Amino acid sequence: MKYRSVFDIIGPVMIGPSSSHTAGAARIGRAARSLFGRKPRRVTVTLYGSFAKTYRGHGTDIAIVGGILNFDTDDERIVHSLEIAREEGVEVTFVESEEVPEHPNTARLHLEDEEGEIEVVGISVGGGKMELVELNGFELRLSGNAPALLVTHVDRYGAVAKVAGVLANHRINIGYMQVSRKERGSEALMIIETDQAVSDSLRKELSELTDITGVTIL
């Protein structure tokens, strides 16, 4: 069942006119910020479908930027997020794509600074909910509703078992896991949703494992 209560339909407490175009968009931006791990210097937001056609009127632009600035859906600063971004030295560019997406409320966010960059694709699925469907070229399905680990690693025998073993030692239960790779023996990604929160010390322990190249907590 898609909706579990009336609050899944009417959406969260939020700034803006639309749970799909505002609250969901803000959560896409905030998830991208969390994955990037810091405030970016430059952001390119490519909007598709309904997002591209109505983003100014529905506040999708200010919502996404507000999320990137780490504002929650009910933060009154979202209304002024474009101005705040400029004041804080964050350069934001919006691109309206003519491509027809699989989901009408789709946004591609490219965040970068002098230390690195990431590219995230998110969709707003209604009621203020969102899903991340792509990260740096990897396909995924991540809602952000449960604690999650994103682990990049070398596609090599035993990498998944090592990560699962560390989580088991800390009594962390895996609720969902997905593993994908770009090609055999190259870069791979584990997406792990857990029943318990993952501490930063555990993240560090995982990052020190052989063949693990990055660990992010969402």
Protein backbone atom coordinates (compact mmCIF):
# COMPACT_ATOMS: atom_id res chain seq x y z
CA MET A 1 0.00 0.00 0.00
CA LYS A 2 1.49 3.33 -1.03
CA TYR A 3 -0.05 5.47 1.73
CA ARG A 4 -0.27 4.35 5.36
CA SER A 5 -2.15 7.37 6.75
CA VAL A 6 -3.85 10.60 5.73
CA PHE A 7 -0.61 12.45 6.58
CA ASP A 8 1.15 10.58 3.77
CA ILE A 9 -1.36 12.17 1.39
CA ILE A 10 -1.54 15.75 2.68
CA GLY A 11 2.20 15.85 3.29
CA PRO A 12 4.41 17.16 6.07
CA VAL A 13 4.47 20.50 7.86
CA MET A 14 6.09 22.64 5.21
CA ILE A 15 6.76 25.99 3.64
CA GLY A 16 5.24 26.19 0.16
CA PRO A 17 2.12 25.31 -1.81
CA SER A 18 2.76 21.69 -2.85
CA SER A 19 3.87 18.58 -1.00
CA SER A 20 5.19 17.11 -4.26
CA HIS A 21 6.76 20.20 -5.80
CA THR A 22 7.95 21.89 -2.60
CA ALA A 23 8.37 19.51 0.35
CA GLY A 24 9.50 16.57 -1.79
CA ALA A 25 11.87 18.83 -3.70
CA ALA A 26 13.35 20.19 -0.46
CA ARG A 27 14.00 16.65 0.71
CA ILE A 28 15.76 15.79 -2.56
CA GLY A 29 18.02 18.81 -2.07
CA ARG A 30 18.71 17.98 1.57
CA ALA A 31 19.51 14.34 0.76
CA ALA A 32 21.97 15.50 -1.89
CA ARG A 33 23.57 17.85 0.66
CA SER A 34 23.85 14.97 3.15
CA LEU A 35 25.54 12.75 0.58
CA PHE A 36 27.93 15.54 -0.41
CA GLY A 37 28.73 16.07 3.26
CA ARG A 38 29.15 19.84 3.21
CA LYS A 39 27.90 23.03 1.62
CA PRO A 40 28.80 23.02 -2.10
CA ARG A 41 30.26 25.94 -4.00
CA ARG A 42 28.45 25.27 -7.27
CA VAL A 43 25.16 23.50 -8.00
CA THR A 44 23.52 22.69 -11.32
CA VAL A 45 19.88 21.64 -11.03
CA THR A 46 18.34 20.02 -14.12
CA LEU A 47 14.56 19.79 -13.93
CA TYR A 48 12.41 17.39 -15.94
CA GLY A 49 8.73 16.95 -16.69
CA SER A 50 6.32 18.76 -14.40
CA PHE A 51 9.20 20.16 -12.35
CA ALA A 52 10.60 21.89 -15.43
CA LYS A 53 7.26 23.41 -16.39
CA THR A 54 6.06 24.71 -13.01
CA TYR A 55 9.11 25.03 -10.76
CA ARG A 56 8.91 28.81 -10.30
CA GLY A 57 5.20 28.95 -9.51
CA HIS A 58 5.31 25.98 -7.13
CA GLY A 59 8.51 27.00 -5.39
CA THR A 60 10.49 23.95 -6.50
CA ASP A 61 13.56 26.09 -7.11
CA ILE A 62 13.63 27.65 -3.63
CA ALA A 63 12.78 24.28 -2.06
CA ILE A 64 15.66 22.41 -3.70
CA VAL A 65 18.14 25.16 -2.85
CA GLY A 66 16.77 25.32 0.69
CA GLY A 67 17.39 21.60 1.04
CA ILE A 68 20.92 22.00 -0.29
CA LEU A 69 21.44 24.66 2.40
CA ASN A 70 20.28 22.01 4.91
CA PHE A 71 16.90 23.63 5.66
CA ASP A 72 14.06 21.29 6.66
CA THR A 73 10.64 21.45 4.95
CA ASP A 74 9.17 23.78 7.60
CA ASP A 75 12.14 26.15 7.82
CA GLU A 76 10.95 29.68 7.04
CA ARG A 77 14.32 30.49 5.48
CA ILE A 78 13.35 28.37 2.46
CA VAL A 79 11.40 31.35 1.09
CA HIS A 80 14.68 33.29 0.83
CA SER A 81 16.95 30.36 -0.04
CA LEU A 82 18.07 31.74 -3.43
CA GLU A 83 19.20 34.98 -1.81
CA ILE A 84 20.83 33.14 1.09
CA ALA A 85 22.71 30.89 -1.33
CA ARG A 86 24.10 33.92 -3.16
CA GLU A 87 25.11 35.56 0.13
CA GLU A 88 26.90 32.37 1.19
CA GLY A 89 28.76 32.05 -2.11
CA VAL A 90 26.81 29.11 -3.52
CA GLU A 91 26.42 29.46 -7.29
CA VAL A 92 23.18 27.82 -8.48
CA THR A 93 22.17 27.22 -12.11
CA PHE A 94 18.78 25.85 -13.19
CA VAL A 95 18.36 23.94 -16.45
CA GLU A 96 14.92 23.10 -17.91
CA SER A 97 15.22 19.80 -19.78
CA GLU A 98 12.96 18.79 -22.67
CA GLU A 99 13.65 15.10 -22.04
CA VAL A 100 10.65 13.01 -20.99
CA PRO A 101 11.50 11.37 -17.65
CA GLU A 102 10.16 8.10 -16.22
CA HIS A 103 8.64 10.14 -13.37
CA PRO A 104 7.19 13.64 -13.98
CA ASN A 105 8.75 15.17 -10.85
CA THR A 106 12.43 14.50 -11.50
CA ALA A 107 15.49 16.57 -10.64
CA ARG A 108 19.18 15.97 -11.31
CA LEU A 109 21.51 17.77 -8.87
CA HIS A 110 25.21 18.22 -9.53
CA LEU A 111 27.03 19.52 -6.46
CA GLU A 112 30.71 20.44 -6.52
CA ASP A 113 33.52 22.35 -4.84
CA GLU A 114 37.31 22.29 -4.84
CA GLU A 115 37.34 18.95 -2.97
CA GLY A 116 35.00 16.92 -5.18
CA GLU A 117 31.61 16.50 -6.78
CA ILE A 118 28.54 14.26 -6.82
CA GLU A 119 25.52 13.88 -9.06
CA VAL A 120 22.18 12.77 -7.63
CA VAL A 121 18.86 12.13 -9.34
CA GLY A 122 15.74 12.30 -7.19
CA ILE A 123 12.01 12.01 -7.75
CA SER A 124 9.19 13.47 -5.66
CA VAL A 125 6.58 10.74 -5.30
CA GLY A 126 3.80 12.61 -3.45
CA GLY A 127 2.90 13.51 0.09
CA GLY A 128 6.26 15.14 0.63
CA LYS A 129 8.07 11.85 0.00
CA MET A 130 11.00 11.42 -2.33
CA GLU A 131 13.28 8.72 -3.66
CA LEU A 132 16.86 8.91 -4.87
CA VAL A 133 17.13 6.85 -8.05
CA GLU A 134 20.71 7.55 -9.18
CA LEU A 135 24.02 8.46 -7.55
CA ASN A 136 27.12 9.12 -9.67
CA GLY A 137 25.82 6.85 -12.42
CA PHE A 138 24.70 4.03 -10.10
CA GLU A 139 21.02 3.13 -10.13
CA LEU A 140 19.39 2.87 -6.70
CA ARG A 141 16.10 3.16 -4.84
CA LEU A 142 16.54 5.06 -1.62
CA SER A 143 13.71 6.81 0.23
CA GLY A 144 15.62 8.31 3.14
CA ASN A 145 12.90 7.07 5.51
CA ALA A 146 15.31 4.70 7.29
CA PRO A 147 18.95 5.08 8.35
CA ALA A 148 21.11 4.20 5.36
CA LEU A 149 24.72 3.59 4.45
CA LEU A 150 26.16 4.13 0.98
CA VAL A 151 29.42 2.25 0.64
CA THR A 152 31.61 2.58 -2.46
CA HIS A 153 34.12 -0.21 -2.92
CA VAL A 154 36.23 -2.18 -5.35
CA ASP A 155 34.15 -4.94 -6.92
CA ARG A 156 36.07 -7.79 -5.32
CA TYR A 157 35.25 -11.04 -3.54
CA GLY A 158 34.50 -10.58 0.17
CA ALA A 159 33.80 -6.82 0.23
CA VAL A 160 30.10 -7.24 0.99
CA ALA A 161 30.80 -9.89 3.64
CA LYS A 162 33.29 -7.61 5.42
CA VAL A 163 30.77 -4.77 5.70
CA ALA A 164 27.97 -7.11 6.80
CA GLY A 165 30.29 -8.63 9.42
CA VAL A 166 31.13 -5.27 10.97
CA LEU A 167 27.44 -4.34 11.14
CA ALA A 168 26.63 -7.69 12.77
CA ASN A 169 29.38 -7.19 15.36
CA HIS A 170 27.74 -3.89 16.31
CA ARG A 171 24.28 -5.52 16.42
CA ILE A 172 23.06 -3.45 13.45
CA ASN A 173 20.32 -5.24 11.53
CA ILE A 174 20.11 -4.85 7.75
CA GLY A 175 16.57 -4.15 6.57
CA TYR A 176 17.37 -3.75 2.88
CA MET A 177 20.51 -4.09 0.78
CA GLN A 178 21.31 -3.45 -2.86
CA VAL A 179 24.66 -3.90 -4.59
CA SER A 180 25.45 -2.53 -8.04
CA ARG A 181 28.56 -2.10 -10.15
CA LYS A 182 29.47 -0.30 -13.32
CA GLU A 183 31.42 -3.26 -14.66
CA ARG A 184 33.05 -6.40 -13.28
CA GLY A 185 36.09 -5.68 -11.10
CA SER A 186 35.60 -1.90 -11.14
CA GLU A 187 33.83 0.54 -8.82
CA ALA A 188 30.75 -0.78 -7.01
CA LEU A 189 28.16 0.58 -4.58
CA MET A 190 26.34 -0.96 -1.62
CA ILE A 191 23.11 0.66 -0.45
CA ILE A 192 22.22 -0.60 3.04
CA GLU A 193 19.16 0.47 5.01
CA THR A 194 19.42 -0.44 8.70
CA ASP A 195 16.99 -0.78 11.58
CA GLN A 196 19.32 1.13 13.90
CA ALA A 197 21.17 4.41 13.50
CA VAL A 198 24.80 4.15 12.41
CA SER A 199 27.33 6.17 14.39
CA ASP A 200 30.18 8.13 12.89
CA SER A 201 32.68 5.87 14.70
CA LEU A 202 31.14 2.86 12.94
CA ARG A 203 31.31 4.72 9.63
CA LYS A 204 35.02 5.26 10.24
CA GLU A 205 35.53 1.58 11.06
CA LEU A 206 33.84 0.57 7.81
CA SER A 207 35.88 3.09 5.80
CA GLU A 208 39.12 1.49 7.06
CA LEU A 209 38.25 -1.94 5.63
CA THR A 210 40.26 -3.23 2.68
CA ASP A 211 38.71 -2.40 -0.72
CA ILE A 212 36.26 0.14 0.77
CA THR A 213 36.74 3.54 -0.88
CA GLY A 214 34.00 5.61 0.78
CA VAL A 215 31.23 5.42 3.37
CA THR A 216 28.38 7.93 3.68
CA ILE A 217 25.58 7.96 6.24
CA LEU A 218 22.19 9.22 5.02
